[in-house]
Amino acid sequence: MRRVSIFGSTGSIGQNTIDLIKRAPNEYQVVALSGAQNIARLARDAKDLRAEVAITADPTRLGDLRAALAGSGIEACAGAQALDDAASRPTDWVMSAIVGAAGLAPGLKALEQGASLALANKESMVCAGALVKATAQKHSARILPVDSEHSAVFQALIGEDIKAVERIIITASGGAFRDWPMEKLASATPAQAATHPNWDMGQRITIDSASMFNKALEVIETREFFEVDPAIIEVLVHPQSMIHALVGFNDGALMAHVGPPDMRHAIGFALHWPERRKLPVERLDLAALSHLTFRDPDETRWPALRLARAVMAEGGHTGAVFNAAKERALDHFIAGRIGFMQMAEVVEEALTQLSAKCSLTNAEMTLDSVLAIDHLARNTADAIIAKL
């Protein structure tokens, strides 16, 4: 029986992971589940799966979690240290689905135990790709991609030589505003941005899809995960979200991963790896699809993609600045303090200021250094926003 933990269990990735685990309950022993505000769901899942421990990221909700778990025998904990402690428990497989930079430390702890880390937390690779990979190598742990795009690339590369790859194309739906006129974007509201045409995701990642910041993070993650030249990474807008990625080889062939917009495919592939097992996902009727369309992304509409190229060119701790500034800009957009297009302006200005002020590329990368840069970048973004 495999010991598994799910960090970020109450979100869409976590819930899809739980769905798959519940379909084969005799194969898994659940060690830890974590969430934030949805205490009822966290407690329900912990009891259903007979988890050893449930953790809320919010220390003020510990009393609620303990009450919800009363009589179950399940340990209730709260806060960042509790997350790290839970990730340090012996485990075979860990789903890292905490949103944002907060997922980095628990992911590193899991790798230190030699666990296979199913990585849905793309921010870990963006902020600290070199550190994450070094930790996995040191402890003989495996990192498995869970983003649909990176899972698609990973699958297309099975049995292939990475040296024969000359293109990696990741697709983007374009989000809620892909067909909006440019002049309308400045007045877009958080509610409008949080409605995705294809995927069922949380508020933050759905807004990031509309701004293409999610895809910008994925471009950087592609570079870090597969260690390829950034110049070969391409983005295509593909409104149907049926082709998740394509890999082009030096003989001109393109390998495409085609499937419905259902995260259980990528999650299931990581959960069962190296096997490929039957999954409860839709089987495509290609004749019924009628047509698939593609177009190049407009970097005037989506400046986040241009900024991702700059981050990859500079390297080092620049990714941590990019992500932290993005997270704060998103916070302020959701709160109604800045406009939709101002998010990219804030991130670009934070990158400019901190690149001039700090040694982002020369400093040794440690968890402490990444967290320090993250904190500085958040404060810088807040200061920039205060002046807008």
Protein backbone atom coordinates (compact mmCIF):
# COMPACT_ATOMS: atom_id res chain seq x y z
CA MET A 1 0.00 0.00 0.00
CA ARG A 2 1.44 3.38 -1.04
CA ARG A 3 1.62 6.19 1.48
CA VAL A 4 0.42 9.44 -0.11
CA SER A 5 -0.09 13.05 0.97
CA ILE A 6 -2.03 15.83 -0.76
CA PHE A 7 -1.06 19.41 -0.03
CA GLY A 8 -3.71 21.78 -1.33
CA SER A 9 -6.35 19.06 -1.08
CA THR A 10 -9.37 21.39 -1.04
CA GLY A 11 -8.58 23.03 -4.40
CA SER A 12 -9.46 21.70 -7.84
CA ILE A 13 -6.22 19.72 -8.28
CA GLY A 14 -6.50 18.28 -4.79
CA GLN A 15 -10.13 17.30 -5.28
CA ASN A 16 -9.38 15.57 -8.57
CA THR A 17 -6.52 13.71 -6.89
CA ILE A 18 -8.86 12.59 -4.10
CA ASP A 19 -11.39 11.43 -6.71
CA LEU A 20 -8.80 9.10 -8.23
CA ILE A 21 -7.58 7.81 -4.86
CA LYS A 22 -11.14 7.05 -3.74
CA ARG A 23 -11.57 4.84 -6.81
CA ALA A 24 -8.82 2.51 -5.54
CA PRO A 25 -8.99 2.89 -1.74
CA ASN A 26 -7.14 -0.36 -1.02
CA GLU A 27 -4.04 0.88 -2.84
CA TYR A 28 -3.37 4.02 -0.79
CA GLN A 29 -2.77 5.01 2.79
CA VAL A 30 -3.32 8.76 3.15
CA VAL A 31 -0.79 10.41 5.43
CA ALA A 32 -1.64 14.12 5.26
CA LEU A 33 -4.18 16.47 3.70
CA SER A 34 -3.87 20.25 3.79
CA GLY A 35 -6.14 23.15 2.94
CA ALA A 36 -6.80 26.70 4.01
CA GLN A 37 -10.27 28.15 4.58
CA ASN A 38 -12.54 25.30 3.50
CA ILE A 39 -12.45 23.49 6.83
CA ALA A 40 -15.61 21.48 6.21
CA ARG A 41 -14.24 19.98 3.02
CA LEU A 42 -10.81 19.34 4.54
CA ALA A 43 -12.30 17.54 7.54
CA ARG A 44 -14.75 15.55 5.39
CA ASP A 45 -11.98 14.32 3.10
CA ALA A 46 -9.65 13.55 5.98
CA LYS A 47 -12.33 11.36 7.58
CA ASP A 48 -13.32 9.71 4.30
CA LEU A 49 -9.70 8.85 3.51
CA ARG A 50 -8.73 8.08 7.13
CA ALA A 51 -5.78 10.47 6.95
CA GLU A 52 -3.24 10.57 9.74
CA VAL A 53 -3.19 14.37 9.92
CA ALA A 54 -5.09 17.34 8.47
CA ILE A 55 -3.50 20.77 8.31
CA THR A 56 -5.03 24.18 7.70
CA ALA A 57 -2.65 26.85 6.50
CA ASP A 58 -4.60 29.40 8.57
CA PRO A 59 -3.70 29.16 12.30
CA THR A 60 -6.89 31.04 13.23
CA ARG A 61 -8.97 28.10 11.91
CA LEU A 62 -7.28 25.41 14.02
CA GLY A 63 -10.14 25.36 16.53
CA ASP A 64 -12.67 24.87 13.73
CA LEU A 65 -10.63 22.02 12.27
CA ARG A 66 -10.25 20.30 15.63
CA ALA A 67 -13.99 20.56 16.21
CA ALA A 68 -14.76 19.16 12.76
CA LEU A 69 -12.42 16.20 13.37
CA ALA A 70 -13.51 15.53 16.95
CA GLY A 71 -13.76 11.80 17.69
CA SER A 72 -12.12 10.77 14.40
CA GLY A 73 -8.64 10.15 15.80
CA ILE A 74 -7.19 12.35 13.06
CA GLU A 75 -4.56 14.84 14.19
CA ALA A 76 -5.37 18.51 13.47
CA CYS A 77 -2.60 21.07 12.93
CA ALA A 78 -2.22 24.58 11.52
CA GLY A 79 0.35 26.93 10.06
CA ALA A 80 3.47 26.81 7.89
CA GLN A 81 5.55 24.79 10.35
CA ALA A 82 2.81 22.19 10.61
CA LEU A 83 2.81 21.90 6.82
CA ASP A 84 6.57 21.35 6.81
CA ASP A 85 6.29 18.78 9.60
CA ALA A 86 3.56 16.89 7.73
CA ALA A 87 5.63 16.94 4.53
CA SER A 88 8.52 15.45 6.50
CA ARG A 89 6.55 12.32 7.36
CA PRO A 90 7.64 9.20 5.45
CA THR A 91 5.61 9.12 2.25
CA ASP A 92 5.90 7.45 -1.14
CA TRP A 93 4.05 10.06 -3.24
CA VAL A 94 3.10 13.67 -2.56
CA MET A 95 0.78 15.95 -4.51
CA SER A 96 2.06 19.53 -4.32
CA ALA A 97 -1.01 21.61 -5.19
CA ILE A 98 -0.70 24.55 -2.79
CA VAL A 99 -1.12 27.75 -4.78
CA GLY A 100 1.81 30.18 -4.91
CA ALA A 101 5.24 30.35 -3.32
CA ALA A 102 3.80 28.85 -0.12
CA GLY A 103 4.09 25.45 -1.78
CA LEU A 104 7.88 25.58 -2.08
CA ALA A 105 8.96 24.62 1.45
CA PRO A 106 6.59 21.63 1.87
CA GLY A 107 7.64 20.37 -1.56
CA LEU A 108 11.31 20.51 -0.58
CA LYS A 109 10.55 18.65 2.65
CA ALA A 110 8.80 15.91 0.70
CA LEU A 111 11.78 15.56 -1.64
CA GLU A 112 14.10 15.31 1.34
CA GLN A 113 12.18 12.17 2.36
CA GLY A 114 12.82 10.69 -1.08
CA ALA A 115 9.15 10.88 -2.06
CA SER A 116 7.93 11.20 -5.63
CA LEU A 117 6.70 14.79 -5.88
CA ALA A 118 3.74 15.32 -8.20
CA LEU A 119 4.24 18.99 -8.93
CA ALA A 120 1.17 21.08 -9.66
CA ASN A 121 2.74 24.02 -7.82
CA LYS A 122 4.49 25.60 -10.80
CA GLU A 123 5.73 28.46 -8.62
CA SER A 124 8.26 26.10 -7.02
CA MET A 125 10.11 25.67 -10.31
CA VAL A 126 9.72 29.34 -11.23
CA CYS A 127 11.08 30.62 -7.91
CA ALA A 128 13.66 27.96 -7.19
CA GLY A 129 13.99 25.46 -10.02
CA ALA A 130 17.69 24.87 -9.41
CA LEU A 131 17.12 24.27 -5.70
CA VAL A 132 14.16 21.92 -6.26
CA LYS A 133 16.09 19.82 -8.79
CA ALA A 134 19.22 19.71 -6.63
CA THR A 135 17.17 18.57 -3.63
CA ALA A 136 15.53 15.81 -5.66
CA GLN A 137 18.90 14.62 -6.97
CA LYS A 138 20.51 14.65 -3.52
CA HIS A 139 17.76 12.49 -2.02
CA SER A 140 17.11 10.26 -5.07
CA ALA A 141 13.60 11.63 -5.34
CA ARG A 142 11.52 12.00 -8.51
CA ILE A 143 9.66 15.13 -9.67
CA LEU A 144 6.62 14.38 -11.83
CA PRO A 145 4.86 17.23 -13.69
CA VAL A 146 1.14 17.69 -13.13
CA ASP A 147 0.40 20.82 -15.14
CA SER A 148 -1.39 19.49 -18.22
CA GLU A 149 1.18 21.09 -20.53
CA HIS A 150 4.24 19.73 -18.77
CA SER A 151 2.69 16.31 -18.31
CA ALA A 152 2.04 16.32 -22.06
CA VAL A 153 5.66 17.20 -22.83
CA PHE A 154 6.89 14.62 -20.32
CA GLN A 155 4.80 11.92 -22.00
CA ALA A 156 5.89 12.94 -25.49
CA LEU A 157 9.53 12.60 -24.43
CA ILE A 158 9.26 9.03 -23.13
CA GLY A 159 11.86 7.01 -24.98
CA GLU A 160 13.19 10.10 -26.77
CA ASP A 161 16.53 11.89 -26.56
CA ILE A 162 16.07 15.46 -25.32
CA LYS A 163 18.98 16.43 -27.58
CA ALA A 164 16.80 15.64 -30.60
CA VAL A 165 14.15 18.18 -29.53
CA GLU A 166 14.11 21.44 -31.46
CA ARG A 167 10.72 22.83 -30.38
CA ILE A 168 8.45 22.61 -27.36
CA ILE A 169 5.04 24.18 -27.93
CA ILE A 170 2.70 24.67 -24.98
CA THR A 171 -0.84 25.74 -25.67
CA ALA A 172 -3.03 28.34 -23.96
CA SER A 173 -6.77 28.71 -24.11
CA GLY A 174 -6.44 32.49 -23.98
CA GLY A 175 -8.72 32.67 -20.96
CA ALA A 176 -11.78 34.82 -20.49
CA PHE A 177 -10.57 37.77 -22.58
CA ARG A 178 -8.95 36.12 -25.58
CA ASP A 179 -11.43 37.76 -27.98
CA TRP A 180 -12.06 41.02 -26.16
CA PRO A 181 -11.06 44.25 -27.89
CA MET A 182 -7.88 45.68 -26.38
CA GLU A 183 -9.51 48.92 -25.32
CA LYS A 184 -11.95 46.99 -23.11
CA LEU A 185 -9.30 45.12 -21.08
CA ALA A 186 -8.42 48.04 -18.82
CA SER A 187 -11.95 47.98 -17.39
CA ALA A 188 -12.17 44.19 -16.93
CA THR A 189 -13.36 43.15 -13.48
CA PRO A 190 -12.13 40.28 -11.27
CA ALA A 191 -15.49 38.53 -11.65
CA GLN A 192 -15.19 38.64 -15.45
CA ALA A 193 -11.58 37.43 -15.34
CA ALA A 194 -12.49 34.52 -13.05
CA THR A 195 -14.72 32.81 -15.61
CA HIS A 196 -12.79 30.30 -17.72
CA PRO A 197 -14.21 29.09 -21.05
CA ASN A 198 -12.80 25.55 -20.78
CA TRP A 199 -11.28 24.60 -17.43
CA ASP A 200 -12.85 24.39 -13.96
CA MET A 201 -10.19 26.00 -11.75
CA GLY A 202 -9.89 28.24 -8.71
CA GLN A 203 -10.26 32.02 -8.83
CA ARG A 204 -6.58 32.93 -8.79
CA ILE A 205 -5.38 30.55 -11.48
CA THR A 206 -8.37 31.42 -13.67
CA ILE A 207 -7.52 35.12 -13.50
CA ASP A 208 -3.88 34.23 -14.20
CA SER A 209 -5.12 32.40 -17.28
CA ALA A 210 -6.93 35.53 -18.49
CA SER A 211 -3.80 37.65 -18.01
CA MET A 212 -1.58 34.83 -19.37
CA PHE A 213 0.55 35.04 -16.23
CA ASN A 214 -0.25 31.38 -15.72
CA LYS A 215 1.20 30.59 -19.12
CA ALA A 216 4.21 32.82 -18.44
CA LEU A 217 4.90 30.77 -15.30
CA GLU A 218 4.55 27.60 -17.38
CA VAL A 219 7.05 28.85 -19.94
CA ILE A 220 9.60 29.36 -17.18
CA GLU A 221 8.70 25.99 -15.65
CA THR A 222 9.26 24.33 -19.05
CA ARG A 223 12.76 25.78 -19.16
CA GLU A 224 13.51 24.64 -15.61
CA PHE A 225 11.91 21.23 -15.77
CA PHE A 226 13.28 20.05 -19.11
CA GLU A 227 16.48 22.16 -19.06
CA VAL A 228 16.11 23.33 -22.65
CA ASP A 229 17.13 26.52 -24.39
CA PRO A 230 14.39 29.13 -23.79
CA ALA A 231 14.53 29.96 -27.49
CA ILE A 232 12.88 26.65 -28.42
CA ILE A 233 9.87 27.16 -26.13
CA GLU A 234 6.80 28.46 -27.96
CA VAL A 235 3.25 29.37 -26.92
CA LEU A 236 0.19 28.95 -29.14
CA VAL A 237 -3.33 30.10 -28.35
CA HIS A 238 -5.56 27.07 -28.85
CA PRO A 239 -9.15 27.93 -27.82
CA GLN A 240 -10.41 24.33 -27.76
CA SER A 241 -7.84 23.17 -25.12
CA MET A 242 -7.66 19.70 -26.67
CA ILE A 243 -3.96 19.71 -27.60
CA HIS A 244 -2.01 20.43 -24.43
CA ALA A 245 1.51 20.51 -25.85
CA LEU A 246 3.57 19.49 -28.85
CA VAL A 247 7.19 18.44 -29.05
CA GLY A 248 9.07 18.99 -32.30
CA PHE A 249 12.10 16.85 -33.19
CA ASN A 250 15.07 17.42 -35.43
CA ASP A 251 13.57 15.23 -38.17
CA GLY A 252 10.62 17.59 -38.48
CA ALA A 253 8.15 15.36 -36.61
CA LEU A 254 5.72 16.82 -34.08
CA MET A 255 4.41 14.72 -31.20
CA ALA A 256 1.10 16.11 -29.91
CA HIS A 257 -0.65 15.18 -26.68
CA VAL A 258 -4.41 15.32 -27.31
CA GLY A 259 -7.07 14.92 -24.65
CA PRO A 260 -10.11 16.53 -23.02
CA PRO A 261 -9.62 19.45 -20.60
CA ASP A 262 -9.69 17.18 -17.54
CA MET A 263 -6.88 17.45 -14.99
CA ARG A 264 -7.42 13.85 -13.91
CA HIS A 265 -5.38 12.73 -16.91
CA ALA A 266 -2.19 14.52 -15.84
CA ILE A 267 -2.82 13.72 -12.17
CA GLY A 268 -3.49 10.07 -12.93
CA PHE A 269 -0.39 9.76 -15.07
CA ALA A 270 1.72 11.11 -12.19
CA LEU A 271 -0.12 9.00 -9.60
CA HIS A 272 0.38 5.74 -11.48
CA TRP A 273 3.75 6.46 -13.09
CA PRO A 274 5.59 4.57 -14.52
CA GLU A 275 2.44 2.62 -15.40
CA ARG A 276 -0.35 3.96 -17.59
CA ARG A 277 -3.73 2.96 -16.16
CA LYS A 278 -7.35 3.38 -17.18
CA LEU A 279 -8.76 6.73 -16.08
CA PRO A 280 -12.36 8.04 -15.80
CA VAL A 281 -11.91 10.75 -18.43
CA GLU A 282 -13.86 11.46 -21.60
CA ARG A 283 -12.79 9.61 -24.74
CA LEU A 284 -12.56 12.04 -27.64
CA ASP A 285 -14.59 11.69 -30.80
CA LEU A 286 -12.22 13.41 -33.19
CA ALA A 287 -14.79 13.55 -35.99
CA ALA A 288 -17.18 15.38 -33.68
CA LEU A 289 -14.57 18.00 -32.81
CA SER A 290 -14.98 19.47 -36.28
CA HIS A 291 -11.85 21.65 -36.15
CA LEU A 292 -8.96 22.75 -33.97
CA THR A 293 -7.60 26.28 -34.25
CA PHE A 294 -4.34 27.95 -33.28
CA ARG A 295 -2.93 31.44 -33.31
CA ASP A 296 0.14 33.24 -32.07
CA PRO A 297 -0.31 35.11 -28.78
CA ASP A 298 -0.35 38.91 -28.93
CA GLU A 299 2.22 40.11 -26.38
CA THR A 300 0.57 43.55 -26.32
CA ARG A 301 -2.55 41.87 -24.99
CA TRP A 302 -0.51 39.49 -22.82
CA PRO A 303 2.74 41.22 -21.76
CA ALA A 304 3.34 38.51 -19.15
CA LEU A 305 4.81 36.32 -21.90
CA ARG A 306 7.40 38.96 -22.77
CA LEU A 307 8.30 39.31 -19.11
CA ALA A 308 8.79 35.53 -18.82
CA ARG A 309 11.40 35.71 -21.59
CA ALA A 310 13.23 38.43 -19.68
CA VAL A 311 13.16 36.34 -16.49
CA MET A 312 14.65 33.33 -18.27
CA ALA A 313 17.35 35.49 -19.83
CA GLU A 314 18.40 36.89 -16.46
CA GLY A 315 17.98 33.71 -14.38
CA GLY A 316 18.94 33.31 -10.73
CA HIS A 317 16.45 34.73 -8.26
CA THR A 318 14.63 36.72 -10.94
CA GLY A 319 11.90 34.10 -11.08
CA ALA A 320 11.19 34.62 -7.37
CA VAL A 321 10.74 38.36 -7.99
CA PHE A 322 8.48 37.70 -10.96
CA ASN A 323 6.23 35.32 -9.04
CA ALA A 324 6.03 37.34 -5.82
CA ALA A 325 5.24 40.58 -7.63
CA LYS A 326 2.64 38.74 -9.70
CA GLU A 327 0.98 37.32 -6.59
CA ARG A 328 0.74 40.74 -4.95
CA ALA A 329 -0.50 42.39 -8.14
CA LEU A 330 -3.18 39.72 -8.36
CA ASP A 331 -4.15 40.31 -4.73
CA HIS A 332 -4.62 44.01 -5.43
CA PHE A 333 -6.55 43.38 -8.65
CA ILE A 334 -8.95 41.04 -6.83
CA ALA A 335 -9.37 43.71 -4.16
CA GLY A 336 -10.23 46.29 -6.83
CA ARG A 337 -7.20 48.52 -6.19
CA ILE A 338 -5.61 48.21 -9.64
CA GLY A 339 -6.84 47.44 -13.14
CA PHE A 340 -6.40 44.24 -15.12
CA MET A 341 -3.63 45.57 -17.39
CA GLN A 342 -1.83 47.22 -14.46
CA MET A 343 -0.82 43.83 -13.06
CA ALA A 344 1.85 43.40 -15.73
CA GLU A 345 3.02 46.99 -15.21
CA VAL A 346 3.56 46.30 -11.51
CA VAL A 347 5.50 43.10 -12.18
CA GLU A 348 7.71 44.74 -14.80
CA GLU A 349 8.51 47.68 -12.53
CA ALA A 350 9.34 45.34 -9.63
CA LEU A 351 11.70 43.39 -11.87
CA THR A 352 13.35 46.62 -13.03
CA GLN A 353 13.80 48.00 -9.53
CA LEU A 354 15.12 44.84 -7.91
CA SER A 355 17.38 43.88 -10.81
CA ALA A 356 19.09 47.26 -10.36
CA LYS A 357 19.16 47.05 -6.57
CA CYS A 358 19.96 43.39 -5.79
CA SER A 359 22.31 40.67 -6.95
CA LEU A 360 19.60 38.44 -8.34
CA THR A 361 21.86 36.28 -10.49
CA ASN A 362 25.04 35.86 -8.45
CA ALA A 363 23.75 34.81 -5.01
CA GLU A 364 23.66 31.14 -4.04
CA MET A 365 20.11 29.79 -4.17
CA THR A 366 18.83 28.46 -0.84
CA LEU A 367 15.37 28.31 0.65
CA ASP A 368 16.26 31.27 2.87
CA SER A 369 17.53 33.33 -0.07
CA VAL A 370 14.41 32.59 -2.13
CA LEU A 371 12.11 33.50 0.76
CA ALA A 372 14.06 36.71 1.40
CA ILE A 373 13.74 37.78 -2.24
CA ASP A 374 10.08 36.79 -2.23
CA HIS A 375 9.45 39.03 0.80
CA LEU A 376 11.37 41.93 -0.73
CA ALA A 377 9.54 41.61 -4.04
CA ARG A 378 6.14 41.62 -2.34
CA ASN A 379 6.99 44.79 -0.43
CA THR A 380 8.32 46.37 -3.62
CA ALA A 381 5.14 45.52 -5.51
CA ASP A 382 3.02 46.96 -2.71
CA ALA A 383 5.04 50.19 -2.79
CA ILE A 384 4.65 50.45 -6.57
CA ILE A 385 0.91 49.90 -6.32
CA ALA A 386 0.60 52.55 -3.59
CA LYS A 387 1.97 55.11 -6.05
CA LEU A 388 -0.35 54.21 -8.92
